[in-house]
Amino acid sequence: MSPEPPVPSHDPSPDSVELIDRETGEPVPSADMREEFARLSASADPEAERAFIESKLDMIRTHPILSAADREAAIAELREKLRRPPGPTGPER
């Protein structure tokens, strides 16, 4: 069994408890990357986004184990998530 990764405290302040690697006991470097992520997301190529989403839909449509009903439900769930405005925790739509 592989070791569990460190878990963040969900405290965005710079004074929050640092993450400790359970295997080594050493601090795990971390940084608040929300601004960088927002910058990169704002400059995303709409055609690349469309192609990515289409690839996910194709993956669902051709999944070898999902039933037709499960595929339809997964596609409906993905489409519903894409209709939502971005939330406070990330780009979920």
C-alpha atoms as a PDB file:
ATOM      1  CA  MET A   1       0.000   0.000   0.000  1.00  0.00           C
ATOM      2  CA  SER A   2       1.403   3.405  -0.923  1.00  0.00           C
ATOM      3  CA  PRO A   3       1.596   6.147   1.697  1.00  0.00           C
ATOM      4  CA  GLU A   4      -1.217   8.663   1.818  1.00  0.00           C
ATOM      5  CA  PRO A   5      -0.406  12.132   0.468  1.00  0.00           C
ATOM      6  CA  PRO A   6      -0.429  15.091   2.855  1.00  0.00           C
ATOM      7  CA  VAL A   7      -3.804  16.707   3.340  1.00  0.00           C
ATOM      8  CA  PRO A   8      -4.266  20.511   3.264  1.00  0.00           C
ATOM      9  CA  SER A   9      -6.049  22.242   6.112  1.00  0.00           C
ATOM     10  CA  HIS A  10      -8.193  24.362   3.738  1.00  0.00           C
ATOM     11  CA  ASP A  11      -6.843  27.409   5.547  1.00  0.00           C
ATOM     12  CA  PRO A  12      -5.710  29.808   2.787  1.00  0.00           C
ATOM     13  CA  SER A  13      -3.732  32.070   5.124  1.00  0.00           C
ATOM     14  CA  PRO A  14       0.058  32.028   4.813  1.00  0.00           C
ATOM     15  CA  ASP A  15       0.246  31.182   8.512  1.00  0.00           C
ATOM     16  CA  SER A  16      -1.691  27.933   8.143  1.00  0.00           C
ATOM     17  CA  VAL A  17      -0.097  24.710   9.304  1.00  0.00           C
ATOM     18  CA  GLU A  18       2.467  23.412   6.832  1.00  0.00           C
ATOM     19  CA  LEU A  19       2.060  20.016   5.248  1.00  0.00           C
ATOM     20  CA  ILE A  20       4.270  17.226   6.539  1.00  0.00           C
ATOM     21  CA  ASP A  21       5.228  14.191   4.450  1.00  0.00           C
ATOM     22  CA  ARG A  22       4.040  11.192   6.481  1.00  0.00           C
ATOM     23  CA  GLU A  23       6.857   9.009   5.173  1.00  0.00           C
ATOM     24  CA  THR A  24       9.828  11.326   5.723  1.00  0.00           C
ATOM     25  CA  GLY A  25       8.483  13.659   8.403  1.00  0.00           C
ATOM     26  CA  GLU A  26       9.799  16.575   6.345  1.00  0.00           C
ATOM     27  CA  PRO A  27       7.790  19.662   5.394  1.00  0.00           C
ATOM     28  CA  VAL A  28       6.224  19.515   1.936  1.00  0.00           C
ATOM     29  CA  PRO A  29       6.769  22.679  -0.102  1.00  0.00           C
ATOM     30  CA  SER A  30       3.508  24.341  -1.020  1.00  0.00           C
ATOM     31  CA  ALA A  31       2.303  27.622  -2.456  1.00  0.00           C
ATOM     32  CA  ASP A  32      -0.971  29.392  -3.100  1.00  0.00           C
ATOM     33  CA  MET A  33      -1.358  29.040  -6.870  1.00  0.00           C
ATOM     34  CA  ARG A  34      -4.898  30.432  -7.193  1.00  0.00           C
ATOM     35  CA  GLU A  35      -3.815  33.650  -8.905  1.00  0.00           C
ATOM     36  CA  GLU A  36      -1.612  31.769 -11.367  1.00  0.00           C
ATOM     37  CA  PHE A  37      -4.417  29.292 -12.064  1.00  0.00           C
ATOM     38  CA  ALA A  38      -6.890  32.155 -12.645  1.00  0.00           C
ATOM     39  CA  ARG A  39      -4.430  33.830 -15.034  1.00  0.00           C
ATOM     40  CA  LEU A  40      -3.886  30.627 -16.997  1.00  0.00           C
ATOM     41  CA  SER A  41      -7.600  29.844 -17.044  1.00  0.00           C
ATOM     42  CA  ALA A  42      -8.440  33.309 -18.360  1.00  0.00           C
ATOM     43  CA  SER A  43      -6.051  32.833 -21.262  1.00  0.00           C
ATOM     44  CA  ALA A  44      -7.364  29.379 -22.201  1.00  0.00           C
ATOM     45  CA  ASP A  45      -7.975  28.622 -25.865  1.00  0.00           C
ATOM     46  CA  PRO A  46     -11.746  28.130 -26.399  1.00  0.00           C
ATOM     47  CA  GLU A  47     -11.108  25.618 -29.193  1.00  0.00           C
ATOM     48  CA  ALA A  48      -8.812  23.593 -26.914  1.00  0.00           C
ATOM     49  CA  GLU A  49     -11.478  23.670 -24.183  1.00  0.00           C
ATOM     50  CA  ARG A  50     -14.113  22.443 -26.641  1.00  0.00           C
ATOM     51  CA  ALA A  51     -11.814  19.647 -27.853  1.00  0.00           C
ATOM     52  CA  PHE A  52     -11.069  18.608 -24.255  1.00  0.00           C
ATOM     53  CA  ILE A  53     -14.766  18.446 -23.358  1.00  0.00           C
ATOM     54  CA  GLU A  54     -15.549  16.534 -26.559  1.00  0.00           C
ATOM     55  CA  SER A  55     -12.805  14.028 -25.684  1.00  0.00           C
ATOM     56  CA  LYS A  56     -14.417  13.470 -22.272  1.00  0.00           C
ATOM     57  CA  LEU A  57     -17.834  12.970 -23.880  1.00  0.00           C
ATOM     58  CA  ASP A  58     -16.299  10.500 -26.337  1.00  0.00           C
ATOM     59  CA  MET A  59     -14.632   8.668 -23.448  1.00  0.00           C
ATOM     60  CA  ILE A  60     -18.031   8.306 -21.748  1.00  0.00           C
ATOM     61  CA  ARG A  61     -19.797   7.263 -24.974  1.00  0.00           C
ATOM     62  CA  THR A  62     -17.245   4.511 -25.668  1.00  0.00           C
ATOM     63  CA  HIS A  63     -16.601   3.298 -22.112  1.00  0.00           C
ATOM     64  CA  PRO A  64     -16.498  -0.508 -22.290  1.00  0.00           C
ATOM     65  CA  ILE A  65     -18.086  -1.188 -18.896  1.00  0.00           C
ATOM     66  CA  LEU A  66     -20.781   1.489 -18.469  1.00  0.00           C
ATOM     67  CA  SER A  67     -24.311   0.557 -19.465  1.00  0.00           C
ATOM     68  CA  ALA A  68     -26.216   2.763 -21.902  1.00  0.00           C
ATOM     69  CA  ALA A  69     -28.193   4.211 -18.972  1.00  0.00           C
ATOM     70  CA  ASP A  70     -24.984   4.927 -17.019  1.00  0.00           C
ATOM     71  CA  ARG A  71     -23.475   6.600 -20.090  1.00  0.00           C
ATOM     72  CA  GLU A  72     -26.551   8.792 -20.546  1.00  0.00           C
ATOM     73  CA  ALA A  73     -26.502   9.726 -16.852  1.00  0.00           C
ATOM     74  CA  ALA A  74     -22.782  10.582 -16.944  1.00  0.00           C
ATOM     75  CA  ILE A  75     -23.219  12.739 -20.048  1.00  0.00           C
ATOM     76  CA  ALA A  76     -26.206  14.516 -18.492  1.00  0.00           C
ATOM     77  CA  GLU A  77     -24.195  15.154 -15.306  1.00  0.00           C
ATOM     78  CA  LEU A  78     -21.258  16.554 -17.276  1.00  0.00           C
ATOM     79  CA  ARG A  79     -23.522  18.802 -19.335  1.00  0.00           C
ATOM     80  CA  GLU A  80     -25.220  20.079 -16.163  1.00  0.00           C
ATOM     81  CA  LYS A  81     -21.857  20.880 -14.548  1.00  0.00           C
ATOM     82  CA  LEU A  82     -20.780  22.753 -17.661  1.00  0.00           C
ATOM     83  CA  ARG A  83     -23.899  24.952 -17.463  1.00  0.00           C
ATOM     84  CA  ARG A  84     -23.105  26.169 -13.915  1.00  0.00           C
ATOM     85  CA  PRO A  85     -21.180  29.411 -13.379  1.00  0.00           C
ATOM     86  CA  PRO A  86     -17.692  28.988 -11.859  1.00  0.00           C
ATOM     87  CA  GLY A  87     -17.811  28.329  -8.133  1.00  0.00           C
ATOM     88  CA  PRO A  88     -15.677  29.780  -5.337  1.00  0.00           C
ATOM     89  CA  THR A  89     -13.465  26.692  -5.191  1.00  0.00           C
ATOM     90  CA  GLY A  90     -12.519  26.480  -8.830  1.00  0.00           C
ATOM     91  CA  PRO A  91     -13.574  26.470 -12.442  1.00  0.00           C
ATOM     92  CA  GLU A  92     -16.489  24.038 -12.070  1.00  0.00           C
ATOM     93  CA  ARG A  93     -19.265  25.260 -14.358  1.00  0.00           C
END
